[in-house]
PDB file of all heavy atoms in Angstrom:
ATOM      1  N   ILE A   1      -3.133   7.427  22.578  1.00  0.00           N
ATOM      2  CA  ILE A   1      -4.308   7.877  23.227  1.00  0.00           C
ATOM      3  C   ILE A   1      -5.395   7.992  22.278  1.00  0.00           C
ATOM      4  O   ILE A   1      -5.340   8.649  21.185  1.00  0.00           O
ATOM      5  CB  ILE A   1      -4.073   9.103  24.094  1.00  0.00           C
ATOM      6  CG1 ILE A   1      -3.030   8.950  25.065  1.00  0.00           C
ATOM      7  CG2 ILE A   1      -5.381   9.640  24.758  1.00  0.00           C
ATOM      8  CD1 ILE A   1      -3.235   8.019  26.142  1.00  0.00           C
ATOM      9  N   TYR A   2      -6.625   7.507  22.551  1.00  0.00           N
ATOM     10  CA  TYR A   2      -7.748   7.624  21.623  1.00  0.00           C
ATOM     11  C   TYR A   2      -9.089   7.708  22.557  1.00  0.00           C
ATOM     12  O   TYR A   2      -9.181   7.463  23.688  1.00  0.00           O
ATOM     13  CB  TYR A   2      -7.775   6.609  20.701  1.00  0.00           C
ATOM     14  CG  TYR A   2      -8.105   5.256  21.205  1.00  0.00           C
ATOM     15  CD1 TYR A   2      -9.379   4.700  21.270  1.00  0.00           C
ATOM     16  CD2 TYR A   2      -7.082   4.386  21.702  1.00  0.00           C
ATOM     17  CE1 TYR A   2      -9.674   3.494  21.748  1.00  0.00           C
ATOM     18  CE2 TYR A   2      -7.334   3.159  22.152  1.00  0.00           C
ATOM     19  CZ  TYR A   2      -8.707   2.574  22.198  1.00  0.00           C
ATOM     20  OH  TYR A   2      -8.853   1.249  22.746  1.00  0.00           O
ATOM     21  N   TYR A   3     -10.128   8.206  21.914  1.00  0.00           N
ATOM     22  CA  TYR A   3     -11.437   8.149  22.497  1.00  0.00           C
ATOM     23  C   TYR A   3     -12.466   7.348  21.447  1.00  0.00           C
ATOM     24  O   TYR A   3     -12.058   7.365  20.193  1.00  0.00           O
ATOM     25  CB  TYR A   3     -12.089   9.565  22.830  1.00  0.00           C
ATOM     26  CG  TYR A   3     -12.552  10.331  21.620  1.00  0.00           C
ATOM     27  CD1 TYR A   3     -13.974  10.292  21.308  1.00  0.00           C
ATOM     28  CD2 TYR A   3     -11.771  10.957  20.770  1.00  0.00           C
ATOM     29  CE1 TYR A   3     -14.505  11.069  20.221  1.00  0.00           C
ATOM     30  CE2 TYR A   3     -12.165  11.766  19.669  1.00  0.00           C
ATOM     31  CZ  TYR A   3     -13.626  11.766  19.444  1.00  0.00           C
ATOM     32  OH  TYR A   3     -14.051  12.348  18.325  1.00  0.00           O
ATOM     33  N   LEU A   4     -13.502   6.714  21.929  1.00  0.00           N
ATOM     34  CA  LEU A   4     -14.395   6.002  21.091  1.00  0.00           C
ATOM     35  C   LEU A   4     -15.525   6.846  20.833  1.00  0.00           C
ATOM     36  O   LEU A   4     -16.362   7.225  21.703  1.00  0.00           O
ATOM     37  CB  LEU A   4     -14.834   4.712  21.837  1.00  0.00           C
ATOM     38  CG  LEU A   4     -15.548   3.755  20.888  1.00  0.00           C
ATOM     39  CD1 LEU A   4     -14.634   3.117  19.802  1.00  0.00           C
ATOM     40  CD2 LEU A   4     -15.939   2.564  21.839  1.00  0.00           C
ATOM     41  N   SER A   5     -15.741   7.327  19.526  1.00  0.00           N
ATOM     42  CA  SER A   5     -16.676   8.244  19.249  1.00  0.00           C
ATOM     43  C   SER A   5     -17.922   7.487  18.644  1.00  0.00           C
ATOM     44  O   SER A   5     -18.173   6.394  18.804  1.00  0.00           O
ATOM     45  CB  SER A   5     -16.133   9.218  18.090  1.00  0.00           C
ATOM     46  OG  SER A   5     -17.067  10.252  17.898  1.00  0.00           O
ATOM     47  N   ASN A   6     -18.877   8.350  18.066  1.00  0.00           N
ATOM     48  CA  ASN A   6     -20.138   7.971  17.633  1.00  0.00           C
ATOM     49  C   ASN A   6     -20.040   7.508  16.150  1.00  0.00           C
ATOM     50  O   ASN A   6     -19.943   8.357  15.224  1.00  0.00           O
ATOM     51  CB  ASN A   6     -21.354   8.891  17.809  1.00  0.00           C
ATOM     52  CG  ASN A   6     -22.615   8.446  17.429  1.00  0.00           C
ATOM     53  OD1 ASN A   6     -22.749   7.321  16.837  1.00  0.00           O
ATOM     54  ND2 ASN A   6     -23.626   9.180  17.768  1.00  0.00           N
ATOM     55  N   HIS A   7     -20.115   6.249  15.856  1.00  0.00           N
ATOM     56  CA  HIS A   7     -19.794   5.773  14.392  1.00  0.00           C
ATOM     57  C   HIS A   7     -21.063   5.895  13.625  1.00  0.00           C
ATOM     58  O   HIS A   7     -21.021   5.669  12.392  1.00  0.00           O
ATOM     59  CB  HIS A   7     -19.350   4.337  14.398  1.00  0.00           C
ATOM     60  CG  HIS A   7     -20.244   3.471  14.845  1.00  0.00           C
ATOM     61  ND1 HIS A   7     -20.570   3.252  16.156  1.00  0.00           N
ATOM     62  CD2 HIS A   7     -20.960   2.381  14.193  1.00  0.00           C
ATOM     63  CE1 HIS A   7     -21.546   2.310  16.334  1.00  0.00           C
ATOM     64  NE2 HIS A   7     -21.685   1.746  15.228  1.00  0.00           N
ATOM     65  N   ILE A   8     -22.217   6.279  14.229  1.00  0.00           N
ATOM     66  CA  ILE A   8     -23.576   6.272  13.502  1.00  0.00           C
ATOM     67  C   ILE A   8     -23.674   7.663  12.719  1.00  0.00           C
ATOM     68  O   ILE A   8     -24.088   7.600  11.629  1.00  0.00           O
ATOM     69  CB  ILE A   8     -24.705   6.041  14.514  1.00  0.00           C
ATOM     70  CG1 ILE A   8     -24.495   4.636  15.086  1.00  0.00           C
ATOM     71  CG2 ILE A   8     -25.973   6.092  13.780  1.00  0.00           C
ATOM     72  CD1 ILE A   8     -25.444   4.349  16.248  1.00  0.00           C
ATOM     73  N   ASN A   9     -23.255   8.661  13.352  1.00  0.00           N
ATOM     74  CA  ASN A   9     -23.465  10.021  12.735  1.00  0.00           C
ATOM     75  C   ASN A   9     -22.183  10.366  12.039  1.00  0.00           C
ATOM     76  O   ASN A   9     -21.546  11.482  12.288  1.00  0.00           O
ATOM     77  CB  ASN A   9     -23.734  11.017  13.956  1.00  0.00           C
ATOM     78  CG  ASN A   9     -25.110  10.768  14.776  1.00  0.00           C
ATOM     79  OD1 ASN A   9     -25.910  10.096  14.189  1.00  0.00           O
ATOM     80  ND2 ASN A   9     -25.136  11.238  15.885  1.00  0.00           N
ATOM     81  N   ILE A  10     -21.856   9.701  11.004  1.00  0.00           N
ATOM     82  CA  ILE A  10     -20.852   9.983  10.128  1.00  0.00           C
ATOM     83  C   ILE A  10     -21.364  10.197   8.663  1.00  0.00           C
ATOM     84  O   ILE A  10     -22.047   9.367   7.984  1.00  0.00           O
ATOM     85  CB  ILE A  10     -19.769   8.958  10.070  1.00  0.00           C
ATOM     86  CG1 ILE A  10     -19.133   8.803  11.334  1.00  0.00           C
ATOM     87  CG2 ILE A  10     -18.720   9.239   9.002  1.00  0.00           C
ATOM     88  CD1 ILE A  10     -17.995   7.830  11.543  1.00  0.00           C
ATOM     89  N   ALA A  11     -21.204  11.432   8.134  1.00  0.00           N
ATOM     90  CA  ALA A  11     -21.684  11.860   6.801  1.00  0.00           C
ATOM     91  C   ALA A  11     -20.548  11.905   5.811  1.00  0.00           C
ATOM     92  O   ALA A  11     -19.388  11.407   6.131  1.00  0.00           O
ATOM     93  CB  ALA A  11     -22.319  13.228   6.850  1.00  0.00           C
ATOM     94  N   THR A  12     -20.745  12.228   4.524  1.00  0.00           N
ATOM     95  CA  THR A  12     -19.734  12.175   3.588  1.00  0.00           C
ATOM     96  C   THR A  12     -19.808  13.587   2.675  1.00  0.00           C
ATOM     97  O   THR A  12     -20.412  14.463   3.088  1.00  0.00           O
ATOM     98  CB  THR A  12     -19.902  10.961   2.799  1.00  0.00           C
ATOM     99  OG1 THR A  12     -18.699  10.841   1.890  1.00  0.00           O
ATOM    100  CG2 THR A  12     -21.030  10.986   1.849  1.00  0.00           C
ATOM    101  N   GLU A  13     -19.170  13.651   1.637  1.00  0.00           N
ATOM    102  CA  GLU A  13     -19.012  14.651   0.765  1.00  0.00           C
ATOM    103  C   GLU A  13     -20.452  15.373   0.486  1.00  0.00           C
ATOM    104  O   GLU A  13     -21.421  14.603   0.089  1.00  0.00           O
ATOM    105  CB  GLU A  13     -18.396  14.190  -0.654  1.00  0.00           C
ATOM    106  CG  GLU A  13     -18.351  15.272  -1.663  1.00  0.00           C
ATOM    107  CD  GLU A  13     -17.214  16.225  -1.430  1.00  0.00           C
ATOM    108  OE1 GLU A  13     -16.237  15.970  -0.719  1.00  0.00           O
ATOM    109  OE2 GLU A  13     -17.267  17.381  -2.043  1.00  0.00           O
ATOM    110  N   GLY A  14     -20.553  16.606   0.588  1.00  0.00           N
ATOM    111  CA  GLY A  14     -21.678  17.450   0.403  1.00  0.00           C
ATOM    112  C   GLY A  14     -22.689  17.510   1.409  1.00  0.00           C
ATOM    113  O   GLY A  14     -23.639  18.360   1.278  1.00  0.00           O
ATOM    114  N   ALA A  15     -22.660  16.673   2.441  1.00  0.00           N
ATOM    115  CA  ALA A  15     -23.545  16.695   3.500  1.00  0.00           C
ATOM    116  C   ALA A  15     -23.350  17.912   4.379  1.00  0.00           C
ATOM    117  O   ALA A  15     -22.109  18.217   4.642  1.00  0.00           O
ATOM    118  CB  ALA A  15     -23.657  15.368   4.295  1.00  0.00           C
ATOM    119  N   PRO A  16     -24.368  18.434   5.044  1.00  0.00           N
ATOM    120  CA  PRO A  16     -24.175  19.550   5.863  1.00  0.00           C
ATOM    121  C   PRO A  16     -23.299  19.225   7.037  1.00  0.00           C
ATOM    122  O   PRO A  16     -23.629  18.126   7.740  1.00  0.00           O
ATOM    123  CB  PRO A  16     -25.663  20.173   6.225  1.00  0.00           C
ATOM    124  CG  PRO A  16     -26.442  19.616   5.007  1.00  0.00           C
ATOM    125  CD  PRO A  16     -25.811  18.305   4.727  1.00  0.00           C
ATOM    126  N   MET A  17     -22.467  20.056   7.499  1.00  0.00           N
ATOM    127  CA  MET A  17     -21.809  19.931   8.838  1.00  0.00           C
ATOM    128  C   MET A  17     -22.755  20.546   9.928  1.00  0.00           C
ATOM    129  O   MET A  17     -23.027  21.724   9.864  1.00  0.00           O
ATOM    130  CB  MET A  17     -20.485  20.717   8.726  1.00  0.00           C
ATOM    131  CG  MET A  17     -19.646  20.632  10.002  1.00  0.00           C
ATOM    132  SD  MET A  17     -18.133  21.630   9.759  1.00  0.00           S
ATOM    133  CE  MET A  17     -17.386  21.551  11.390  1.00  0.00           C
ATOM    134  N   PRO A  18     -23.345  19.499  10.709  1.00  0.00           N
ATOM    135  CA  PRO A  18     -24.307  19.951  11.672  1.00  0.00           C
ATOM    136  C   PRO A  18     -23.719  21.030  12.711  1.00  0.00           C
ATOM    137  O   PRO A  18     -22.586  20.754  13.177  1.00  0.00           O
ATOM    138  CB  PRO A  18     -24.766  18.642  12.229  1.00  0.00           C
ATOM    139  CG  PRO A  18     -23.654  17.754  12.148  1.00  0.00           C
ATOM    140  CD  PRO A  18     -22.852  18.172  10.947  1.00  0.00           C
ATOM    141  N   TRP A  19     -24.529  21.897  13.137  1.00  0.00           N
ATOM    142  CA  TRP A  19     -24.305  22.761  14.338  1.00  0.00           C
ATOM    143  C   TRP A  19     -25.187  22.490  15.408  1.00  0.00           C
ATOM    144  O   TRP A  19     -26.370  22.948  15.313  1.00  0.00           O
ATOM    145  CB  TRP A  19     -24.394  24.234  13.713  1.00  0.00           C
ATOM    146  CG  TRP A  19     -23.670  25.226  14.655  1.00  0.00           C
ATOM    147  CD1 TRP A  19     -23.993  25.411  16.004  1.00  0.00           C
ATOM    148  CD2 TRP A  19     -22.701  26.191  14.201  1.00  0.00           C
ATOM    149  NE1 TRP A  19     -23.118  26.338  16.550  1.00  0.00           N
ATOM    150  CE2 TRP A  19     -22.440  26.883  15.398  1.00  0.00           C
ATOM    151  CE3 TRP A  19     -22.100  26.541  13.099  1.00  0.00           C
ATOM    152  CZ2 TRP A  19     -21.399  27.912  15.540  1.00  0.00           C
ATOM    153  CZ3 TRP A  19     -21.170  27.444  13.115  1.00  0.00           C
ATOM    154  CH2 TRP A  19     -20.806  28.291  14.161  1.00  0.00           C
ATOM    155  N   PRO A  20     -24.928  21.795  16.488  1.00  0.00           N
ATOM    156  CA  PRO A  20     -25.784  21.584  17.596  1.00  0.00           C
ATOM    157  C   PRO A  20     -26.332  22.845  18.177  1.00  0.00           C
ATOM    158  O   PRO A  20     -25.651  23.775  18.296  1.00  0.00           O
ATOM    159  CB  PRO A  20     -24.852  20.868  18.573  1.00  0.00           C
ATOM    160  CG  PRO A  20     -23.698  20.270  17.751  1.00  0.00           C
ATOM    161  CD  PRO A  20     -23.567  21.369  16.731  1.00  0.00           C
ATOM    162  N   GLY A  21     -27.598  22.708  18.662  1.00  0.00           N
ATOM    163  CA  GLY A  21     -28.184  23.790  19.315  1.00  0.00           C
ATOM    164  C   GLY A  21     -27.506  24.282  20.621  1.00  0.00           C
ATOM    165  O   GLY A  21     -27.757  25.338  21.057  1.00  0.00           O
ATOM    166  N   TYR A  22     -26.764  23.355  21.253  1.00  0.00           N
ATOM    167  CA  TYR A  22     -26.089  23.782  22.548  1.00  0.00           C
ATOM    168  C   TYR A  22     -24.877  24.274  22.392  1.00  0.00           C
ATOM    169  O   TYR A  22     -23.898  24.549  23.143  1.00  0.00           O
ATOM    170  CB  TYR A  22     -26.013  22.519  23.376  1.00  0.00           C
ATOM    171  CG  TYR A  22     -25.482  21.299  22.747  1.00  0.00           C
ATOM    172  CD1 TYR A  22     -24.104  21.144  22.628  1.00  0.00           C
ATOM    173  CD2 TYR A  22     -26.285  20.200  22.376  1.00  0.00           C
ATOM    174  CE1 TYR A  22     -23.574  19.968  21.991  1.00  0.00           C
ATOM    175  CE2 TYR A  22     -25.828  19.139  21.737  1.00  0.00           C
ATOM    176  CZ  TYR A  22     -24.420  19.028  21.451  1.00  0.00           C
ATOM    177  OH  TYR A  22     -23.956  17.911  20.950  1.00  0.00           O
ATOM    178  N   CYS A  23     -24.385  24.440  21.027  1.00  0.00           N
ATOM    179  CA  CYS A  23     -22.817  24.900  20.760  1.00  0.00           C
ATOM    180  C   CYS A  23     -22.889  26.239  20.254  1.00  0.00           C
ATOM    181  O   CYS A  23     -23.653  26.719  19.403  1.00  0.00           O
ATOM    182  CB  CYS A  23     -22.423  23.755  19.620  1.00  0.00           C
ATOM    183  SG  CYS A  23     -20.848  24.405  18.732  1.00  0.00           S
ATOM    184  N   GLU A  24     -21.869  27.021  20.710  1.00  0.00           N
ATOM    185  CA  GLU A  24     -21.568  28.393  20.314  1.00  0.00           C
ATOM    186  C   GLU A  24     -20.405  28.453  19.321  1.00  0.00           C
ATOM    187  O   GLU A  24     -20.332  29.271  18.501  1.00  0.00           O
ATOM    188  CB  GLU A  24     -21.317  29.288  21.393  1.00  0.00           C
ATOM    189  CG  GLU A  24     -22.458  29.417  22.474  1.00  0.00           C
ATOM    190  CD  GLU A  24     -23.639  30.272  21.880  1.00  0.00           C
ATOM    191  OE1 GLU A  24     -23.369  30.937  20.854  1.00  0.00           O
ATOM    192  OE2 GLU A  24     -24.757  30.113  22.492  1.00  0.00           O
ATOM    193  N   VAL A  25     -19.398  27.484  19.531  1.00  0.00           N
ATOM    194  CA  VAL A  25     -18.145  27.578  18.856  1.00  0.00           C
ATOM    195  C   VAL A  25     -17.959  26.147  18.079  1.00  0.00           C
ATOM    196  O   VAL A  25     -17.592  25.187  18.824  1.00  0.00           O
ATOM    197  CB  VAL A  25     -16.953  27.973  19.654  1.00  0.00           C
ATOM    198  CG1 VAL A  25     -15.662  27.979  18.796  1.00  0.00           C
ATOM    199  CG2 VAL A  25     -17.244  29.251  20.390  1.00  0.00           C
ATOM    200  N   LEU A  26     -18.360  26.195  16.787  1.00  0.00           N
ATOM    201  CA  LEU A  26     -18.122  24.828  16.095  1.00  0.00           C
ATOM    202  C   LEU A  26     -16.821  24.860  15.379  1.00  0.00           C
ATOM    203  O   LEU A  26     -16.391  25.862  14.803  1.00  0.00           O
ATOM    204  CB  LEU A  26     -19.297  24.735  15.080  1.00  0.00           C
ATOM    205  CG  LEU A  26     -19.215  23.441  14.132  1.00  0.00           C
ATOM    206  CD1 LEU A  26     -19.583  22.303  15.052  1.00  0.00           C
ATOM    207  CD2 LEU A  26     -20.300  23.663  13.060  1.00  0.00           C
ATOM    208  N   ASP A  27     -16.173  23.662  15.366  1.00  0.00           N
ATOM    209  CA  ASP A  27     -14.858  23.652  14.831  1.00  0.00           C
ATOM    210  C   ASP A  27     -14.675  22.320  13.848  1.00  0.00           C
ATOM    211  O   ASP A  27     -15.525  21.434  14.094  1.00  0.00           O
ATOM    212  CB  ASP A  27     -13.739  23.633  15.910  1.00  0.00           C
ATOM    213  CG  ASP A  27     -12.402  24.052  15.289  1.00  0.00           C
ATOM    214  OD1 ASP A  27     -12.197  24.427  14.192  1.00  0.00           O
ATOM    215  OD2 ASP A  27     -11.400  23.980  16.080  1.00  0.00           O
ATOM    216  N   TYR A  28     -13.638  22.299  13.099  1.00  0.00           N
ATOM    217  CA  TYR A  28     -13.374  21.021  12.287  1.00  0.00           C
ATOM    218  C   TYR A  28     -11.959  20.617  12.722  1.00  0.00           C
ATOM    219  O   TYR A  28     -11.224  21.353  13.311  1.00  0.00           O
ATOM    220  CB  TYR A  28     -13.343  21.521  10.836  1.00  0.00           C
ATOM    221  CG  TYR A  28     -12.533  22.820  10.552  1.00  0.00           C
ATOM    222  CD1 TYR A  28     -11.053  22.671  10.384  1.00  0.00           C
ATOM    223  CD2 TYR A  28     -13.066  23.998  10.595  1.00  0.00           C
ATOM    224  CE1 TYR A  28     -10.363  23.857  10.251  1.00  0.00           C
ATOM    225  CE2 TYR A  28     -12.300  25.236  10.443  1.00  0.00           C
ATOM    226  CZ  TYR A  28     -10.946  25.070  10.351  1.00  0.00           C
ATOM    227  OH  TYR A  28     -10.166  26.293  10.263  1.00  0.00           O
ATOM    228  N   GLU A  29     -11.746  19.352  12.300  1.00  0.00           N
ATOM    229  CA  GLU A  29     -10.384  18.941  12.542  1.00  0.00           C
ATOM    230  C   GLU A  29     -10.067  17.921  11.386  1.00  0.00           C
ATOM    231  O   GLU A  29     -10.644  16.912  11.049  1.00  0.00           O
ATOM    232  CB  GLU A  29     -10.415  18.074  13.898  1.00  0.00           C
ATOM    233  CG  GLU A  29     -10.699  18.954  15.004  1.00  0.00           C
ATOM    234  CD  GLU A  29     -10.367  18.244  16.411  1.00  0.00           C
ATOM    235  OE1 GLU A  29      -9.246  17.823  16.478  1.00  0.00           O
ATOM    236  OE2 GLU A  29     -11.290  18.230  17.279  1.00  0.00           O
ATOM    237  N   LEU A  30      -9.035  18.464  10.639  1.00  0.00           N
ATOM    238  CA  LEU A  30      -8.517  17.637   9.425  1.00  0.00           C
ATOM    239  C   LEU A  30      -7.703  16.378   9.905  1.00  0.00           C
ATOM    240  O   LEU A  30      -6.682  16.611  10.431  1.00  0.00           O
ATOM    241  CB  LEU A  30      -7.768  18.569   8.536  1.00  0.00           C
ATOM    242  CG  LEU A  30      -7.108  17.857   7.271  1.00  0.00           C
ATOM    243  CD1 LEU A  30      -7.932  16.974   6.433  1.00  0.00           C
ATOM    244  CD2 LEU A  30      -6.342  18.934   6.443  1.00  0.00           C
ATOM    245  N   GLU A  31      -8.174  15.255   9.496  1.00  0.00           N
ATOM    246  CA  GLU A  31      -7.415  13.889   9.820  1.00  0.00           C
ATOM    247  C   GLU A  31      -7.317  12.995   8.761  1.00  0.00           C
ATOM    248  O   GLU A  31      -8.017  13.141   7.735  1.00  0.00           O
ATOM    249  CB  GLU A  31      -8.085  13.311  11.136  1.00  0.00           C
ATOM    250  CG  GLU A  31      -8.367  14.213  12.374  1.00  0.00           C
ATOM    251  CD  GLU A  31      -8.924  13.476  13.447  1.00  0.00           C
ATOM    252  OE1 GLU A  31      -8.853  12.254  13.582  1.00  0.00           O
ATOM    253  OE2 GLU A  31      -9.467  14.058  14.372  1.00  0.00           O
ATOM    254  N   ILE A  32      -6.565  11.956   8.892  1.00  0.00           N
ATOM    255  CA  ILE A  32      -6.612  10.791   7.970  1.00  0.00           C
ATOM    256  C   ILE A  32      -7.189   9.651   8.625  1.00  0.00           C
ATOM    257  O   ILE A  32      -6.900   9.408   9.791  1.00  0.00           O
ATOM    258  CB  ILE A  32      -5.069  10.412   7.652  1.00  0.00           C
ATOM    259  CG1 ILE A  32      -4.456  11.607   6.858  1.00  0.00           C
ATOM    260  CG2 ILE A  32      -5.057   9.207   6.871  1.00  0.00           C
ATOM    261  CD1 ILE A  32      -2.888  11.360   6.647  1.00  0.00           C
ATOM    262  N   GLY A  33      -8.131   9.041   8.029  1.00  0.00           N
ATOM    263  CA  GLY A  33      -8.857   7.852   8.520  1.00  0.00           C
ATOM    264  C   GLY A  33      -8.429   6.661   7.886  1.00  0.00           C
ATOM    265  O   GLY A  33      -8.331   6.494   6.627  1.00  0.00           O
ATOM    266  N   ALA A  34      -8.263   5.535   8.719  1.00  0.00           N
ATOM    267  CA  ALA A  34      -7.889   4.231   8.222  1.00  0.00           C
ATOM    268  C   ALA A  34      -9.159   3.275   8.458  1.00  0.00           C
ATOM    269  O   ALA A  34      -9.722   3.267   9.489  1.00  0.00           O
ATOM    270  CB  ALA A  34      -6.640   3.645   8.906  1.00  0.00           C
ATOM    271  N   VAL A  35      -9.450   2.483   7.441  1.00  0.00           N
ATOM    272  CA  VAL A  35     -10.570   1.445   7.529  1.00  0.00           C
ATOM    273  C   VAL A  35      -9.941   0.068   7.646  1.00  0.00           C
ATOM    274  O   VAL A  35      -9.247  -0.318   6.682  1.00  0.00           O
ATOM    275  CB  VAL A  35     -11.554   1.626   6.468  1.00  0.00           C
ATOM    276  CG1 VAL A  35     -12.513   0.603   6.518  1.00  0.00           C
ATOM    277  CG2 VAL A  35     -12.213   2.952   6.377  1.00  0.00           C
ATOM    278  N   LEU A  36     -10.347  -0.703   8.668  1.00  0.00           N
ATOM    279  CA  LEU A  36      -9.806  -2.029   8.803  1.00  0.00           C
ATOM    280  C   LEU A  36     -10.500  -2.957   7.783  1.00  0.00           C
ATOM    281  O   LEU A  36     -11.733  -2.960   7.621  1.00  0.00           O
ATOM    282  CB  LEU A  36      -9.981  -2.505  10.255  1.00  0.00           C
ATOM    283  CG  LEU A  36      -8.895  -3.381  10.780  1.00  0.00           C
ATOM    284  CD1 LEU A  36      -7.655  -2.723  10.838  1.00  0.00           C
ATOM    285  CD2 LEU A  36      -9.373  -3.850  12.170  1.00  0.00           C
ATOM    286  N   ALA A  37      -9.775  -3.816   7.173  1.00  0.00           N
ATOM    287  CA  ALA A  37     -10.254  -4.831   6.262  1.00  0.00           C
ATOM    288  C   ALA A  37     -10.269  -6.168   6.780  1.00  0.00           C
ATOM    289  O   ALA A  37     -10.836  -7.128   6.193  1.00  0.00           O
ATOM    290  CB  ALA A  37      -9.552  -4.728   4.871  1.00  0.00           C
ATOM    291  N   ARG A  38      -9.415  -6.506   7.709  1.00  0.00           N
ATOM    292  CA  ARG A  38      -9.344  -7.831   8.432  1.00  0.00           C
ATOM    293  C   ARG A  38      -9.385  -7.743   9.870  1.00  0.00           C
ATOM    294  O   ARG A  38      -8.935  -6.741  10.505  1.00  0.00           O
ATOM    295  CB  ARG A  38      -7.995  -8.480   7.964  1.00  0.00           C
ATOM    296  CG  ARG A  38      -7.958  -8.739   6.426  1.00  0.00           C
ATOM    297  CD  ARG A  38      -6.719  -9.379   5.898  1.00  0.00           C
ATOM    298  NE  ARG A  38      -6.760  -9.590   4.459  1.00  0.00           N
ATOM    299  CZ  ARG A  38      -6.708  -8.686   3.538  1.00  0.00           C
ATOM    300  NH1 ARG A  38      -6.451  -7.353   3.928  1.00  0.00           N
ATOM    301  NH2 ARG A  38      -6.759  -8.860   2.283  1.00  0.00           N
ATOM    302  N   PRO A  39      -9.781  -8.788  10.601  1.00  0.00           N
ATOM    303  CA  PRO A  39      -9.788  -8.683  12.096  1.00  0.00           C
ATOM    304  C   PRO A  39      -8.558  -8.698  12.595  1.00  0.00           C
ATOM    305  O   PRO A  39      -7.447  -9.223  12.070  1.00  0.00           O
ATOM    306  CB  PRO A  39     -10.666 -10.125  12.477  1.00  0.00           C
ATOM    307  CG  PRO A  39     -10.457 -10.888  11.186  1.00  0.00           C
ATOM    308  CD  PRO A  39     -10.337  -9.980  10.003  1.00  0.00           C
ATOM    309  N   LEU A  40      -8.307  -8.068  13.852  1.00  0.00           N
ATOM    310  CA  LEU A  40      -7.115  -8.131  14.604  1.00  0.00           C
ATOM    311  C   LEU A  40      -7.334  -8.427  16.007  1.00  0.00           C
ATOM    312  O   LEU A  40      -8.400  -8.016  16.665  1.00  0.00           O
ATOM    313  CB  LEU A  40      -6.414  -6.814  14.529  1.00  0.00           C
ATOM    314  CG  LEU A  40      -5.881  -6.222  13.092  1.00  0.00           C
ATOM    315  CD1 LEU A  40      -5.386  -4.823  13.320  1.00  0.00           C
ATOM    316  CD2 LEU A  40      -4.781  -7.246  12.616  1.00  0.00           C
ATOM    317  N   ARG A  41      -6.445  -9.020  16.692  1.00  0.00           N
ATOM    318  CA  ARG A  41      -6.324  -9.165  18.074  1.00  0.00           C
ATOM    319  C   ARG A  41      -4.943  -9.383  18.445  1.00  0.00           C
ATOM    320  O   ARG A  41      -4.191 -10.308  17.993  1.00  0.00           O
ATOM    321  CB  ARG A  41      -7.236 -10.348  18.606  1.00  0.00           C
ATOM    322  CG  ARG A  41      -7.361 -10.389  20.310  1.00  0.00           C
ATOM    323  CD  ARG A  41      -8.339 -11.505  20.588  1.00  0.00           C
ATOM    324  NE  ARG A  41      -8.308 -11.509  22.062  1.00  0.00           N
ATOM    325  CZ  ARG A  41      -9.179 -10.885  22.837  1.00  0.00           C
ATOM    326  NH1 ARG A  41     -10.050 -10.069  22.242  1.00  0.00           N
ATOM    327  NH2 ARG A  41      -9.189 -10.961  24.140  1.00  0.00           N
ATOM    328  N   ASN A  42      -4.429  -8.635  19.452  1.00  0.00           N
ATOM    329  CA  ASN A  42      -3.125  -8.590  19.918  1.00  0.00           C
ATOM    330  C   ASN A  42      -2.172  -8.649  18.656  1.00  0.00           C
ATOM    331  O   ASN A  42      -1.125  -9.398  18.491  1.00  0.00           O
ATOM    332  CB  ASN A  42      -2.926  -9.904  20.733  1.00  0.00           C
ATOM    333  CG  ASN A  42      -3.506  -9.937  22.117  1.00  0.00           C
ATOM    334  OD1 ASN A  42      -3.544  -8.871  22.797  1.00  0.00           O
ATOM    335  ND2 ASN A  42      -4.123 -11.100  22.453  1.00  0.00           N
ATOM    336  N   ALA A  43      -2.287  -7.742  17.820  1.00  0.00           N
ATOM    337  CA  ALA A  43      -1.680  -7.620  16.524  1.00  0.00           C
ATOM    338  C   ALA A  43      -0.172  -6.920  16.768  1.00  0.00           C
ATOM    339  O   ALA A  43       0.015  -6.044  17.602  1.00  0.00           O
ATOM    340  CB  ALA A  43      -2.354  -6.882  15.572  1.00  0.00           C
ATOM    341  N   THR A  44       0.721  -7.425  15.974  1.00  0.00           N
ATOM    342  CA  THR A  44       1.970  -6.746  15.825  1.00  0.00           C
ATOM    343  C   THR A  44       1.837  -5.547  14.872  1.00  0.00           C
ATOM    344  O   THR A  44       0.729  -5.551  14.032  1.00  0.00           O
ATOM    345  CB  THR A  44       3.080  -7.634  15.091  1.00  0.00           C
ATOM    346  OG1 THR A  44       2.673  -8.001  13.902  1.00  0.00           O
ATOM    347  CG2 THR A  44       3.162  -8.914  15.970  1.00  0.00           C
ATOM    348  N   PRO A  45       2.639  -4.703  14.839  1.00  0.00           N
ATOM    349  CA  PRO A  45       2.495  -3.536  13.828  1.00  0.00           C
ATOM    350  C   PRO A  45       2.445  -3.923  12.377  1.00  0.00           C
ATOM    351  O   PRO A  45       1.678  -3.439  11.505  1.00  0.00           O
ATOM    352  CB  PRO A  45       3.845  -2.624  14.117  1.00  0.00           C
ATOM    353  CG  PRO A  45       3.993  -2.936  15.562  1.00  0.00           C
ATOM    354  CD  PRO A  45       3.740  -4.308  15.731  1.00  0.00           C
ATOM    355  N   ALA A  46       3.224  -5.041  12.118  1.00  0.00           N
ATOM    356  CA  ALA A  46       3.245  -5.546  10.533  1.00  0.00           C
ATOM    357  C   ALA A  46       1.919  -6.197  10.408  1.00  0.00           C
ATOM    358  O   ALA A  46       1.215  -5.973   9.236  1.00  0.00           O
ATOM    359  CB  ALA A  46       4.265  -6.664  10.462  1.00  0.00           C
TER     360      ALA A  46
END
């Protein structure tokens, strides 16, 4: 299961973690990110 997020608003090391004006409870989520280097369609796991 996944959702498609906003790929434009992605920062990196040292950039402030934004706190939206409409938000009262801001949270973080530690994940591992994978970057694709080659195109895929109907791919096998290999």
